[in-house]
Amino acid sequence: MRESWLVWRILHGDKRAGDELVASHYPRIFRLLRYLTGRPDIAEDLTQQTFVRAWQALPNFRYQSSVATWLHRIAYHEYTHWLRDRREHASLDSAAHLAAPDNSHEWETLVLPQALGQLTPEHREAFLLYHIQELSVGEVAAILEVPVGTVKSRLYTARQRLRELLNADADSIVRVSPPTPPAIIVPAPPKEIFHELSSH
């Protein structure tokens, strides 16, 4: 109900509601794209592009999923477009050489990114969305546009592979706390997007 009211306010030109929506979701979207790309600069660009796309598409939002799931789907599409444009396939290969989101958690910020970089893109994406972003299997399936059974299979394979790579049992992987999002200055949505929305 609260998200519906927030969307309604944005569509009626309430800039404060737009800032609130961005502030609520920007850190999680940035974190996902940071893990997927392994590049904080690219992640920031894609995160901002995600919100630009979302603002443009907001008049067509039909409340068939949560705003969070909807934004994750847009972010994932922006990521796949970025990959296709650059013809890259293993975007986390260099992640181990980058500063991770929270240096106070060595397992999460050093060991996990290295291991994730050795998974296939499909297994890595499913693992990140489910275990790091804490989305449901159904939400992951909607974002990746694959059946629920496929997501479950990918998660099983990802956990098995990570268990081998990390020499840890699968339960400890499942229980890992998501990394603390980095301190992020959340940008306000571009004014021209608000103008476009308010004109509908």
C-alpha atoms as a PDB file:
ATOM      1  CA  MET A   1       0.000   0.000   0.000  1.00  0.00           C
ATOM      2  CA  ARG A   2       2.790   2.413   0.927  1.00  0.00           C
ATOM      3  CA  GLU A   3       4.644   1.728  -2.341  1.00  0.00           C
ATOM      4  CA  SER A   4       1.455   2.288  -4.313  1.00  0.00           C
ATOM      5  CA  TRP A   5       0.967   5.638  -2.617  1.00  0.00           C
ATOM      6  CA  LEU A   6       4.604   6.550  -3.257  1.00  0.00           C
ATOM      7  CA  VAL A   7       4.298   5.720  -6.961  1.00  0.00           C
ATOM      8  CA  TRP A   8       1.080   7.740  -7.186  1.00  0.00           C
ATOM      9  CA  ARG A   9       2.806  10.754  -5.619  1.00  0.00           C
ATOM     10  CA  ILE A  10       5.739  10.483  -8.030  1.00  0.00           C
ATOM     11  CA  LEU A  11       3.433  10.295 -11.014  1.00  0.00           C
ATOM     12  CA  HIS A  12       1.807  13.492  -9.805  1.00  0.00           C
ATOM     13  CA  GLY A  13       5.123  15.346  -9.729  1.00  0.00           C
ATOM     14  CA  ASP A  14       6.092  14.955  -6.066  1.00  0.00           C
ATOM     15  CA  LYS A  15       9.891  15.255  -6.148  1.00  0.00           C
ATOM     16  CA  ARG A  16      10.198  14.403  -2.468  1.00  0.00           C
ATOM     17  CA  ALA A  17       8.474  11.062  -3.096  1.00  0.00           C
ATOM     18  CA  GLY A  18      10.926  10.387  -5.916  1.00  0.00           C
ATOM     19  CA  ASP A  19      13.873  11.122  -3.655  1.00  0.00           C
ATOM     20  CA  GLU A  20      12.406   8.788  -1.047  1.00  0.00           C
ATOM     21  CA  LEU A  21      11.995   5.955  -3.524  1.00  0.00           C
ATOM     22  CA  VAL A  22      15.558   6.339  -4.795  1.00  0.00           C
ATOM     23  CA  ALA A  23      16.988   6.566  -1.280  1.00  0.00           C
ATOM     24  CA  SER A  24      15.153   3.360  -0.326  1.00  0.00           C
ATOM     25  CA  HIS A  25      16.334   1.264  -3.267  1.00  0.00           C
ATOM     26  CA  TYR A  26      19.552   2.797  -4.621  1.00  0.00           C
ATOM     27  CA  PRO A  27      21.963   1.033  -2.202  1.00  0.00           C
ATOM     28  CA  ARG A  28      20.609  -2.448  -2.987  1.00  0.00           C
ATOM     29  CA  ILE A  29      20.608  -1.878  -6.734  1.00  0.00           C
ATOM     30  CA  PHE A  30      24.135  -0.489  -6.583  1.00  0.00           C
ATOM     31  CA  ARG A  31      25.303  -3.474  -4.506  1.00  0.00           C
ATOM     32  CA  LEU A  32      23.887  -5.955  -7.025  1.00  0.00           C
ATOM     33  CA  LEU A  33      25.488  -4.180  -9.982  1.00  0.00           C
ATOM     34  CA  ARG A  34      28.753  -3.822  -8.085  1.00  0.00           C
ATOM     35  CA  TYR A  35      28.935  -7.589  -7.630  1.00  0.00           C
ATOM     36  CA  LEU A  36      27.817  -8.313 -11.187  1.00  0.00           C
ATOM     37  CA  THR A  37      30.236  -5.925 -12.880  1.00  0.00           C
ATOM     38  CA  GLY A  38      33.109  -5.936 -10.405  1.00  0.00           C
ATOM     39  CA  ARG A  39      33.492  -2.231 -11.186  1.00  0.00           C
ATOM     40  CA  PRO A  40      32.192   0.442  -8.790  1.00  0.00           C
ATOM     41  CA  ASP A  41      32.321   3.118 -11.490  1.00  0.00           C
ATOM     42  CA  ILE A  42      30.347   0.985 -13.951  1.00  0.00           C
ATOM     43  CA  ALA A  43      27.947  -0.047 -11.175  1.00  0.00           C
ATOM     44  CA  GLU A  44      27.243   3.588 -10.350  1.00  0.00           C
ATOM     45  CA  ASP A  45      26.575   4.431 -13.993  1.00  0.00           C
ATOM     46  CA  LEU A  46      24.274   1.438 -14.430  1.00  0.00           C
ATOM     47  CA  THR A  47      22.466   2.194 -11.180  1.00  0.00           C
ATOM     48  CA  GLN A  48      21.727   5.735 -12.282  1.00  0.00           C
ATOM     49  CA  GLN A  49      20.632   4.447 -15.676  1.00  0.00           C
ATOM     50  CA  THR A  50      18.358   1.948 -13.928  1.00  0.00           C
ATOM     51  CA  PHE A  51      16.523   4.734 -12.148  1.00  0.00           C
ATOM     52  CA  VAL A  52      16.296   6.833 -15.290  1.00  0.00           C
ATOM     53  CA  ARG A  53      14.704   3.851 -17.079  1.00  0.00           C
ATOM     54  CA  ALA A  54      12.422   3.268 -14.109  1.00  0.00           C
ATOM     55  CA  TRP A  55      11.244   6.863 -14.073  1.00  0.00           C
ATOM     56  CA  GLN A  56      10.483   6.685 -17.779  1.00  0.00           C
ATOM     57  CA  ALA A  57       8.548   3.439 -17.344  1.00  0.00           C
ATOM     58  CA  LEU A  58       6.806   4.340 -14.079  1.00  0.00           C
ATOM     59  CA  PRO A  59       3.500   5.420 -15.723  1.00  0.00           C
ATOM     60  CA  ASN A  60       3.187   1.823 -16.977  1.00  0.00           C
ATOM     61  CA  PHE A  61       3.897   0.191 -13.598  1.00  0.00           C
ATOM     62  CA  ARG A  62       1.029  -2.228 -12.949  1.00  0.00           C
ATOM     63  CA  TYR A  63       1.749  -3.333  -9.347  1.00  0.00           C
ATOM     64  CA  GLN A  64       2.034  -6.978 -10.453  1.00  0.00           C
ATOM     65  CA  SER A  65       5.287  -7.175  -8.482  1.00  0.00           C
ATOM     66  CA  SER A  66       6.911  -5.104  -5.774  1.00  0.00           C
ATOM     67  CA  VAL A  67       8.792  -1.963  -6.738  1.00  0.00           C
ATOM     68  CA  ALA A  68      11.979  -3.683  -5.517  1.00  0.00           C
ATOM     69  CA  THR A  69      11.501  -6.645  -7.862  1.00  0.00           C
ATOM     70  CA  TRP A  70      10.619  -4.312 -10.728  1.00  0.00           C
ATOM     71  CA  LEU A  71      13.764  -2.226 -10.158  1.00  0.00           C
ATOM     72  CA  HIS A  72      15.929  -5.343  -9.929  1.00  0.00           C
ATOM     73  CA  ARG A  73      14.534  -6.512 -13.268  1.00  0.00           C
ATOM     74  CA  ILE A  74      15.395  -3.177 -14.876  1.00  0.00           C
ATOM     75  CA  ALA A  75      18.870  -3.235 -13.301  1.00  0.00           C
ATOM     76  CA  TYR A  76      19.471  -6.747 -14.571  1.00  0.00           C
ATOM     77  CA  HIS A  77      18.462  -5.718 -18.087  1.00  0.00           C
ATOM     78  CA  GLU A  78      20.828  -2.745 -17.931  1.00  0.00           C
ATOM     79  CA  TYR A  79      23.587  -5.118 -16.854  1.00  0.00           C
ATOM     80  CA  THR A  80      22.925  -7.572 -19.695  1.00  0.00           C
ATOM     81  CA  HIS A  81      22.890  -4.715 -22.210  1.00  0.00           C
ATOM     82  CA  TRP A  82      26.227  -3.532 -20.827  1.00  0.00           C
ATOM     83  CA  LEU A  83      27.633  -7.058 -21.199  1.00  0.00           C
ATOM     84  CA  ARG A  84      26.343  -7.445 -24.739  1.00  0.00           C
ATOM     85  CA  ASP A  85      27.670  -4.073 -25.821  1.00  0.00           C
ATOM     86  CA  ARG A  86      31.152  -4.962 -24.629  1.00  0.00           C
ATOM     87  CA  ARG A  87      30.934  -8.659 -25.475  1.00  0.00           C
ATOM     88  CA  GLU A  88      32.109  -9.570 -21.998  1.00  0.00           C
ATOM     89  CA  HIS A  89      31.173 -12.849 -20.344  1.00  0.00           C
ATOM     90  CA  ALA A  90      32.814 -13.092 -16.928  1.00  0.00           C
ATOM     91  CA  SER A  91      32.396  -9.667 -15.433  1.00  0.00           C
ATOM     92  CA  LEU A  92      33.527 -10.590 -11.926  1.00  0.00           C
ATOM     93  CA  ASP A  93      36.917 -11.967 -12.914  1.00  0.00           C
ATOM     94  CA  SER A  94      38.637  -8.816 -11.736  1.00  0.00           C
ATOM     95  CA  ALA A  95      36.486  -8.305  -8.637  1.00  0.00           C
ATOM     96  CA  ALA A  96      39.127  -9.700  -6.305  1.00  0.00           C
ATOM     97  CA  HIS A  97      41.403  -6.791  -7.144  1.00  0.00           C
ATOM     98  CA  LEU A  98      38.841  -4.154  -6.177  1.00  0.00           C
ATOM     99  CA  ALA A  99      37.919  -2.729  -2.817  1.00  0.00           C
ATOM    100  CA  ALA A 100      34.793  -4.520  -1.664  1.00  0.00           C
ATOM    101  CA  PRO A 101      31.670  -2.892  -0.216  1.00  0.00           C
ATOM    102  CA  ASP A 102      32.545  -3.438   3.451  1.00  0.00           C
ATOM    103  CA  ASN A 103      36.145  -4.223   4.352  1.00  0.00           C
ATOM    104  CA  SER A 104      35.157  -5.268   7.870  1.00  0.00           C
ATOM    105  CA  HIS A 105      33.859  -8.615   6.605  1.00  0.00           C
ATOM    106  CA  GLU A 106      36.788 -10.455   5.043  1.00  0.00           C
ATOM    107  CA  TRP A 107      34.798 -13.533   4.005  1.00  0.00           C
ATOM    108  CA  GLU A 108      32.116 -11.512   2.287  1.00  0.00           C
ATOM    109  CA  THR A 109      34.375  -8.913   0.704  1.00  0.00           C
ATOM    110  CA  LEU A 110      37.451 -10.881  -0.363  1.00  0.00           C
ATOM    111  CA  VAL A 111      36.814 -14.611  -0.420  1.00  0.00           C
ATOM    112  CA  LEU A 112      33.231 -14.575  -1.719  1.00  0.00           C
ATOM    113  CA  PRO A 113      33.861 -12.260  -4.716  1.00  0.00           C
ATOM    114  CA  GLN A 114      36.808 -14.416  -5.789  1.00  0.00           C
ATOM    115  CA  ALA A 115      34.693 -17.562  -5.605  1.00  0.00           C
ATOM    116  CA  LEU A 116      31.721 -15.954  -7.338  1.00  0.00           C
ATOM    117  CA  GLY A 117      33.995 -14.937 -10.173  1.00  0.00           C
ATOM    118  CA  GLN A 118      34.563 -18.615 -10.924  1.00  0.00           C
ATOM    119  CA  LEU A 119      30.880 -19.448 -11.304  1.00  0.00           C
ATOM    120  CA  THR A 120      29.083 -19.303 -14.629  1.00  0.00           C
ATOM    121  CA  PRO A 121      27.169 -16.041 -15.132  1.00  0.00           C
ATOM    122  CA  GLU A 122      23.827 -17.859 -14.748  1.00  0.00           C
ATOM    123  CA  HIS A 123      24.771 -19.442 -11.417  1.00  0.00           C
ATOM    124  CA  ARG A 124      26.384 -16.254 -10.122  1.00  0.00           C
ATOM    125  CA  GLU A 125      23.341 -14.120 -10.955  1.00  0.00           C
ATOM    126  CA  ALA A 126      20.932 -16.510  -9.247  1.00  0.00           C
ATOM    127  CA  PHE A 127      23.121 -16.717  -6.141  1.00  0.00           C
ATOM    128  CA  LEU A 128      23.512 -12.938  -5.879  1.00  0.00           C
ATOM    129  CA  LEU A 129      19.819 -12.220  -6.308  1.00  0.00           C
ATOM    130  CA  TYR A 130      18.712 -14.870  -3.834  1.00  0.00           C
ATOM    131  CA  HIS A 131      21.393 -14.889  -1.141  1.00  0.00           C
ATOM    132  CA  ILE A 132      22.877 -11.398  -1.330  1.00  0.00           C
ATOM    133  CA  GLN A 133      19.829  -9.378  -2.415  1.00  0.00           C
ATOM    134  CA  GLU A 134      17.516 -11.643  -0.361  1.00  0.00           C
ATOM    135  CA  LEU A 135      14.831 -11.922  -3.026  1.00  0.00           C
ATOM    136  CA  SER A 136      12.481 -14.895  -3.144  1.00  0.00           C
ATOM    137  CA  VAL A 137      12.894 -17.692  -5.669  1.00  0.00           C
ATOM    138  CA  GLY A 138       9.798 -16.400  -7.452  1.00  0.00           C
ATOM    139  CA  GLU A 139      11.212 -12.887  -7.641  1.00  0.00           C
ATOM    140  CA  VAL A 140      14.535 -14.184  -8.958  1.00  0.00           C
ATOM    141  CA  ALA A 141      12.678 -16.182 -11.603  1.00  0.00           C
ATOM    142  CA  ALA A 142      10.764 -13.054 -12.658  1.00  0.00           C
ATOM    143  CA  ILE A 143      13.934 -10.978 -12.889  1.00  0.00           C
ATOM    144  CA  LEU A 144      15.894 -13.576 -14.841  1.00  0.00           C
ATOM    145  CA  GLU A 145      12.803 -14.544 -16.874  1.00  0.00           C
ATOM    146  CA  VAL A 146      13.276 -18.269 -16.264  1.00  0.00           C
ATOM    147  CA  PRO A 147      11.083 -20.899 -14.544  1.00  0.00           C
ATOM    148  CA  VAL A 148      11.208 -21.266 -10.767  1.00  0.00           C
ATOM    149  CA  GLY A 149      12.620 -24.764 -11.176  1.00  0.00           C
ATOM    150  CA  THR A 150      15.525 -23.380 -13.189  1.00  0.00           C
ATOM    151  CA  VAL A 151      16.334 -20.903 -10.422  1.00  0.00           C
ATOM    152  CA  LYS A 152      16.298 -23.684  -7.821  1.00  0.00           C
ATOM    153  CA  SER A 153      18.599 -25.794  -9.979  1.00  0.00           C
ATOM    154  CA  ARG A 154      21.017 -22.899 -10.494  1.00  0.00           C
ATOM    155  CA  LEU A 155      21.037 -22.124  -6.777  1.00  0.00           C
ATOM    156  CA  TYR A 156      21.789 -25.746  -5.930  1.00  0.00           C
ATOM    157  CA  THR A 157      24.637 -25.880  -8.418  1.00  0.00           C
ATOM    158  CA  ALA A 158      25.997 -22.517  -7.266  1.00  0.00           C
ATOM    159  CA  ARG A 159      26.032 -23.617  -3.628  1.00  0.00           C
ATOM    160  CA  GLN A 160      27.702 -26.901  -4.495  1.00  0.00           C
ATOM    161  CA  ARG A 161      30.368 -25.141  -6.537  1.00  0.00           C
ATOM    162  CA  LEU A 162      30.962 -22.498  -3.873  1.00  0.00           C
ATOM    163  CA  ARG A 163      31.254 -25.190  -1.247  1.00  0.00           C
ATOM    164  CA  GLU A 164      34.024 -26.751  -3.297  1.00  0.00           C
ATOM    165  CA  LEU A 165      35.735 -23.415  -3.880  1.00  0.00           C
ATOM    166  CA  LEU A 166      35.491 -22.172  -0.320  1.00  0.00           C
ATOM    167  CA  ASN A 167      35.955 -25.512   1.396  1.00  0.00           C
ATOM    168  CA  ALA A 168      32.928 -24.745   3.541  1.00  0.00           C
ATOM    169  CA  ASP A 169      29.621 -26.489   4.032  1.00  0.00           C
ATOM    170  CA  ALA A 170      26.569 -25.294   2.123  1.00  0.00           C
ATOM    171  CA  ASP A 171      24.726 -24.229   5.275  1.00  0.00           C
ATOM    172  CA  SER A 172      27.395 -21.683   6.180  1.00  0.00           C
ATOM    173  CA  ILE A 173      27.051 -20.177   2.708  1.00  0.00           C
ATOM    174  CA  VAL A 174      23.302 -19.914   3.047  1.00  0.00           C
ATOM    175  CA  ARG A 175      23.572 -18.210   6.427  1.00  0.00           C
ATOM    176  CA  VAL A 176      26.060 -15.573   5.379  1.00  0.00           C
ATOM    177  CA  SER A 177      24.845 -12.064   6.111  1.00  0.00           C
ATOM    178  CA  PRO A 178      24.570  -9.751   3.119  1.00  0.00           C
ATOM    179  CA  PRO A 179      27.454  -7.261   2.910  1.00  0.00           C
ATOM    180  CA  THR A 180      26.752  -3.853   4.381  1.00  0.00           C
ATOM    181  CA  PRO A 181      26.065  -1.495   1.476  1.00  0.00           C
ATOM    182  CA  PRO A 182      28.739   1.156   0.983  1.00  0.00           C
ATOM    183  CA  ALA A 183      28.160   4.741   1.972  1.00  0.00           C
ATOM    184  CA  ILE A 184      26.480   6.113  -1.126  1.00  0.00           C
ATOM    185  CA  ILE A 185      25.416   9.623  -2.000  1.00  0.00           C
ATOM    186  CA  VAL A 186      21.991   8.951  -3.457  1.00  0.00           C
ATOM    187  CA  PRO A 187      21.367  11.217  -6.463  1.00  0.00           C
ATOM    188  CA  ALA A 188      17.971  12.774  -6.949  1.00  0.00           C
ATOM    189  CA  PRO A 189      16.138  11.664 -10.103  1.00  0.00           C
ATOM    190  CA  PRO A 190      16.874  13.948 -13.070  1.00  0.00           C
ATOM    191  CA  LYS A 191      14.498  16.907 -13.196  1.00  0.00           C
ATOM    192  CA  GLU A 192      13.570  16.206 -16.791  1.00  0.00           C
ATOM    193  CA  ILE A 193      12.254  12.796 -15.786  1.00  0.00           C
ATOM    194  CA  PHE A 194       9.951  14.382 -13.214  1.00  0.00           C
ATOM    195  CA  HIS A 195       8.788  16.881 -15.826  1.00  0.00           C
ATOM    196  CA  GLU A 196       8.039  14.036 -18.231  1.00  0.00           C
ATOM    197  CA  LEU A 197       6.077  12.129 -15.586  1.00  0.00           C
ATOM    198  CA  SER A 198       4.095  15.116 -14.425  1.00  0.00           C
ATOM    199  CA  SER A 199       3.024  15.810 -18.001  1.00  0.00           C
ATOM    200  CA  HIS A 200       1.220  12.437 -18.286  1.00  0.00           C
END
